[in-house]
Each structure stands twice: as C-alpha cells, then as structure tokens.
C-alpha cells in the first residue's frame, strides 16, 4: 500500500505534467503558474505568477485553460483554485 505522501507526490507529478501542456501559452504572455499544494480533497491550489497574476483575463485563463488542462489529464482532481491573483 502506498503512503499518502507517495500518492500525493504522484498526483503532483501528474498535475505538473498537465501544466506543462499549457505553460508555453502562459509564458508567451509573460506569466506562469506554480503548484502550492494539493489538499486532502484533491483540490489543486495554484499561484498565478508574473503577468498572469495581474491580468484581467486571469479568471478565464484559470477556468478555460489551466483547470481544463489539469482535469483532462488528471481526472481524480476535484477542483482547481488560484490562491493569489496578484503578484
């Protein structure tokens, strides 16, 4: 049986791989995103960085871009939250 830590590390790796699919688009606009934590309910807490943190379109970026990419590749994730929309 896997420990919770190794399960969480595996989930973090999967989410990071999903983020790599959208990261080039974020970087092209001067932004990025990082994983802060994945809680016990499998909600991913992210921080939008650079231009993404202050962009008026950041809410759309989170829903249509980042959240969609994560949920498509990591269906066990139950939600995606941006903890900090300003840098």
N, C-alpha and C. Protein backbone atom coordinates (compact mmCIF):
# COMPACT_ATOMS: atom_id res chain seq x y z
N UNK A 1 0.83 -1.19 0.00
CA UNK A 1 0.00 0.00 0.00
C UNK A 1 0.88 1.25 0.00
N UNK A 2 0.56 2.18 -0.90
CA UNK A 2 1.33 3.42 -0.98
C UNK A 2 1.01 4.34 0.18
N UNK A 3 2.01 5.05 0.63
CA UNK A 3 1.76 6.04 1.67
C UNK A 3 1.06 7.25 1.06
N UNK A 4 0.44 8.04 1.92
CA UNK A 4 -0.22 9.25 1.45
C UNK A 4 0.77 10.19 0.78
N UNK A 5 1.99 10.25 1.30
CA UNK A 5 2.99 11.13 0.73
C UNK A 5 3.35 10.70 -0.69
N UNK A 6 3.56 9.41 -0.92
CA UNK A 6 3.91 8.97 -2.27
C UNK A 6 2.73 9.13 -3.22
N UNK A 7 1.51 8.92 -2.71
CA UNK A 7 0.33 9.15 -3.55
C UNK A 7 0.24 10.62 -3.92
N UNK A 8 0.48 11.50 -2.95
CA UNK A 8 0.42 12.94 -3.21
C UNK A 8 1.52 13.36 -4.18
N UNK A 9 2.73 12.80 -4.02
CA UNK A 9 3.82 13.12 -4.94
C UNK A 9 3.48 12.68 -6.36
N UNK A 10 2.85 11.53 -6.49
CA UNK A 10 2.43 11.05 -7.81
C UNK A 10 1.39 11.99 -8.42
N UNK A 11 0.46 12.45 -7.60
CA UNK A 11 -0.57 13.38 -8.07
C UNK A 11 0.06 14.71 -8.47
N UNK A 12 0.99 15.19 -7.68
CA UNK A 12 1.70 16.43 -8.01
C UNK A 12 2.42 16.28 -9.35
N UNK A 13 3.07 15.14 -9.57
CA UNK A 13 3.76 14.90 -10.84
C UNK A 13 2.78 14.92 -12.02
N UNK A 14 1.62 14.31 -11.85
CA UNK A 14 0.62 14.29 -12.92
C UNK A 14 0.11 15.71 -13.21
N UNK A 15 -0.14 16.47 -12.16
CA UNK A 15 -0.62 17.85 -12.34
C UNK A 15 0.47 18.68 -13.02
N UNK A 16 1.71 18.49 -12.61
CA UNK A 16 2.81 19.23 -13.22
C UNK A 16 2.92 18.91 -14.72
N UNK A 17 2.73 17.65 -15.07
CA UNK A 17 2.75 17.26 -16.49
C UNK A 17 1.61 17.94 -17.24
N UNK A 18 0.45 18.02 -16.63
CA UNK A 18 -0.68 18.71 -17.26
C UNK A 18 -0.37 20.19 -17.43
N UNK A 19 0.25 20.79 -16.44
CA UNK A 19 0.60 22.22 -16.53
C UNK A 19 1.60 22.47 -17.65
N UNK A 20 2.47 21.50 -17.91
CA UNK A 20 3.46 21.67 -18.98
C UNK A 20 2.79 21.84 -20.34
N UNK A 21 1.57 21.32 -20.50
CA UNK A 21 0.88 21.44 -21.78
C UNK A 21 0.37 22.86 -22.01
N UNK A 22 0.14 23.60 -20.95
CA UNK A 22 -0.39 24.97 -21.08
C UNK A 22 0.64 26.04 -20.74
N UNK A 23 1.69 25.64 -20.07
CA UNK A 23 2.72 26.60 -19.63
C UNK A 23 3.30 27.44 -20.78
N UNK A 24 3.57 26.88 -21.96
CA UNK A 24 4.12 27.72 -23.04
C UNK A 24 3.21 28.90 -23.40
N UNK A 25 1.91 28.71 -23.33
CA UNK A 25 0.97 29.80 -23.62
C UNK A 25 1.02 30.87 -22.54
N UNK A 26 1.13 30.43 -21.30
CA UNK A 26 1.24 31.39 -20.20
C UNK A 26 2.54 32.19 -20.30
N UNK A 27 3.63 31.47 -20.58
CA UNK A 27 4.94 32.12 -20.67
C UNK A 27 5.00 33.10 -21.85
N UNK A 28 4.30 32.78 -22.93
CA UNK A 28 4.28 33.67 -24.10
C UNK A 28 3.68 35.04 -23.75
N UNK A 29 2.81 35.06 -22.75
CA UNK A 29 2.19 36.30 -22.30
C UNK A 29 2.85 36.86 -21.04
N UNK A 30 4.02 36.32 -20.68
CA UNK A 30 4.76 36.83 -19.55
C UNK A 30 4.32 36.30 -18.20
N UNK A 31 3.64 35.15 -18.19
CA UNK A 31 3.15 34.59 -16.94
C UNK A 31 3.60 33.16 -16.72
N UNK A 32 3.15 32.60 -15.65
CA UNK A 32 3.42 31.21 -15.31
C UNK A 32 2.49 30.82 -14.17
N UNK A 33 2.58 29.59 -13.75
CA UNK A 33 1.76 29.08 -12.67
C UNK A 33 2.58 28.06 -11.89
N UNK A 34 2.37 28.02 -10.57
CA UNK A 34 3.06 27.00 -9.78
C UNK A 34 2.07 26.35 -8.82
N UNK A 35 2.34 25.09 -8.53
CA UNK A 35 1.53 24.33 -7.58
C UNK A 35 1.94 24.74 -6.17
N UNK A 36 0.97 25.14 -5.37
CA UNK A 36 1.23 25.47 -3.97
C UNK A 36 0.99 24.22 -3.12
N UNK A 37 -0.14 23.57 -3.36
CA UNK A 37 -0.45 22.33 -2.64
C UNK A 37 -1.60 21.62 -3.33
N UNK A 38 -1.75 20.35 -2.99
CA UNK A 38 -2.93 19.58 -3.35
C UNK A 38 -3.47 19.06 -2.02
N UNK A 39 -4.68 19.50 -1.67
CA UNK A 39 -5.21 19.17 -0.35
C UNK A 39 -5.81 17.76 -0.31
N UNK A 40 -6.31 17.38 0.85
CA UNK A 40 -6.86 16.04 1.06
C UNK A 40 -8.06 15.73 0.19
N UNK A 41 -8.76 16.77 -0.26
CA UNK A 41 -9.93 16.57 -1.13
C UNK A 41 -9.52 16.57 -2.60
N UNK A 42 -8.21 16.57 -2.86
CA UNK A 42 -7.64 16.58 -4.22
C UNK A 42 -7.99 17.85 -4.99
N UNK A 43 -8.02 18.96 -4.25
CA UNK A 43 -8.16 20.27 -4.86
C UNK A 43 -6.75 20.83 -5.03
N UNK A 44 -6.43 21.25 -6.25
CA UNK A 44 -5.12 21.81 -6.56
C UNK A 44 -5.15 23.31 -6.27
N UNK A 45 -4.23 23.77 -5.45
CA UNK A 45 -4.09 25.19 -5.14
C UNK A 45 -2.89 25.70 -5.93
N UNK A 46 -3.14 26.68 -6.80
CA UNK A 46 -2.12 27.22 -7.68
C UNK A 46 -1.88 28.69 -7.40
N UNK A 47 -0.70 29.14 -7.75
CA UNK A 47 -0.40 30.56 -7.71
C UNK A 47 -0.09 31.00 -9.13
N UNK A 48 -0.81 32.02 -9.60
CA UNK A 48 -0.53 32.60 -10.90
C UNK A 48 0.62 33.59 -10.72
N UNK A 49 1.60 33.51 -11.60
CA UNK A 49 2.81 34.31 -11.47
C UNK A 49 2.97 35.27 -12.63
N UNK A 50 3.78 36.30 -12.44
CA UNK A 50 4.08 37.25 -13.50
C UNK A 50 2.83 37.94 -13.99
N UNK A 51 2.73 38.10 -15.30
CA UNK A 51 1.60 38.79 -15.90
C UNK A 51 0.28 38.10 -15.60
N UNK A 52 0.30 36.79 -15.39
CA UNK A 52 -0.96 36.08 -15.12
C UNK A 52 -1.60 36.51 -13.80
N UNK A 53 -0.78 36.91 -12.86
CA UNK A 53 -1.31 37.31 -11.56
C UNK A 53 -2.10 38.60 -11.59
N UNK A 54 -1.79 39.47 -12.53
CA UNK A 54 -2.46 40.77 -12.56
C UNK A 54 -3.31 40.98 -13.81
N UNK A 55 -3.35 40.00 -14.67
CA UNK A 55 -4.10 40.13 -15.93
C UNK A 55 -5.60 40.10 -15.68
N UNK A 56 -6.36 41.00 -16.34
CA UNK A 56 -7.82 40.98 -16.16
C UNK A 56 -8.47 39.71 -16.72
N UNK A 57 -7.75 38.98 -17.54
CA UNK A 57 -8.28 37.74 -18.11
C UNK A 57 -7.87 36.52 -17.29
N UNK A 58 -7.24 36.71 -16.14
CA UNK A 58 -6.72 35.59 -15.37
C UNK A 58 -7.80 34.61 -14.93
N UNK A 59 -9.00 35.10 -14.64
CA UNK A 59 -10.09 34.19 -14.27
C UNK A 59 -10.43 33.27 -15.43
N UNK A 60 -10.50 33.81 -16.63
CA UNK A 60 -10.78 32.98 -17.80
C UNK A 60 -9.62 32.02 -18.06
N UNK A 61 -8.41 32.50 -17.89
CA UNK A 61 -7.24 31.64 -18.06
C UNK A 61 -7.30 30.46 -17.11
N UNK A 62 -7.68 30.71 -15.87
CA UNK A 62 -7.77 29.63 -14.89
C UNK A 62 -8.82 28.61 -15.29
N UNK A 63 -10.01 29.06 -15.63
CA UNK A 63 -11.13 28.15 -15.92
C UNK A 63 -10.95 27.44 -17.26
N UNK A 64 -10.74 28.22 -18.33
CA UNK A 64 -10.74 27.65 -19.68
C UNK A 64 -9.40 27.02 -20.03
N UNK A 65 -8.33 27.46 -19.39
CA UNK A 65 -7.02 26.95 -19.74
C UNK A 65 -6.44 26.00 -18.71
N UNK A 66 -6.05 26.54 -17.59
CA UNK A 66 -5.33 25.76 -16.59
C UNK A 66 -6.20 24.65 -15.99
N UNK A 67 -7.39 25.00 -15.51
CA UNK A 67 -8.26 24.00 -14.89
C UNK A 67 -8.64 22.91 -15.90
N UNK A 68 -8.96 23.29 -17.11
CA UNK A 68 -9.33 22.33 -18.15
C UNK A 68 -8.18 21.37 -18.45
N UNK A 69 -6.97 21.91 -18.56
CA UNK A 69 -5.80 21.07 -18.84
C UNK A 69 -5.56 20.07 -17.72
N UNK A 70 -5.69 20.52 -16.48
CA UNK A 70 -5.47 19.62 -15.34
C UNK A 70 -6.55 18.55 -15.28
N UNK A 71 -7.81 18.94 -15.35
CA UNK A 71 -8.89 17.97 -15.21
C UNK A 71 -8.92 16.97 -16.37
N UNK A 72 -8.52 17.40 -17.55
CA UNK A 72 -8.49 16.49 -18.69
C UNK A 72 -7.44 15.40 -18.49
N UNK A 73 -6.29 15.76 -17.95
CA UNK A 73 -5.19 14.80 -17.79
C UNK A 73 -5.15 14.12 -16.43
N UNK A 74 -5.79 14.73 -15.43
CA UNK A 74 -5.76 14.18 -14.07
C UNK A 74 -7.20 14.19 -13.53
N UNK A 75 -8.02 13.23 -13.98
CA UNK A 75 -9.45 13.27 -13.62
C UNK A 75 -9.74 13.10 -12.13
N UNK A 76 -8.78 12.60 -11.37
CA UNK A 76 -9.02 12.46 -9.93
C UNK A 76 -9.00 13.79 -9.18
N UNK A 77 -8.51 14.84 -9.83
CA UNK A 77 -8.53 16.18 -9.23
C UNK A 77 -9.98 16.66 -9.17
N UNK A 78 -10.39 17.15 -8.00
CA UNK A 78 -11.78 17.57 -7.81
C UNK A 78 -12.00 19.06 -8.03
N UNK A 79 -10.92 19.84 -8.00
CA UNK A 79 -11.05 21.27 -8.20
C UNK A 79 -9.71 21.93 -8.36
N UNK A 80 -9.72 23.15 -8.89
CA UNK A 80 -8.50 23.93 -9.09
C UNK A 80 -8.79 25.35 -8.61
N UNK A 81 -7.96 25.84 -7.71
CA UNK A 81 -8.14 27.19 -7.15
C UNK A 81 -6.85 27.99 -7.31
N UNK A 82 -7.00 29.24 -7.67
CA UNK A 82 -5.86 30.17 -7.66
C UNK A 82 -5.87 30.85 -6.30
N UNK A 83 -4.78 30.73 -5.57
CA UNK A 83 -4.74 31.30 -4.23
C UNK A 83 -4.33 32.76 -4.24
N UNK A 84 -3.74 33.19 -5.35
CA UNK A 84 -3.20 34.54 -5.39
C UNK A 84 -3.30 35.07 -6.81
N UNK A 85 -4.22 35.99 -7.03
CA UNK A 85 -4.42 36.51 -8.37
C UNK A 85 -3.57 37.76 -8.63
N UNK A 86 -2.81 38.24 -7.65
CA UNK A 86 -1.92 39.37 -7.85
C UNK A 86 -0.53 39.00 -7.41
N UNK A 87 0.46 39.62 -8.02
CA UNK A 87 1.86 39.30 -7.70
C UNK A 87 2.41 40.34 -6.75
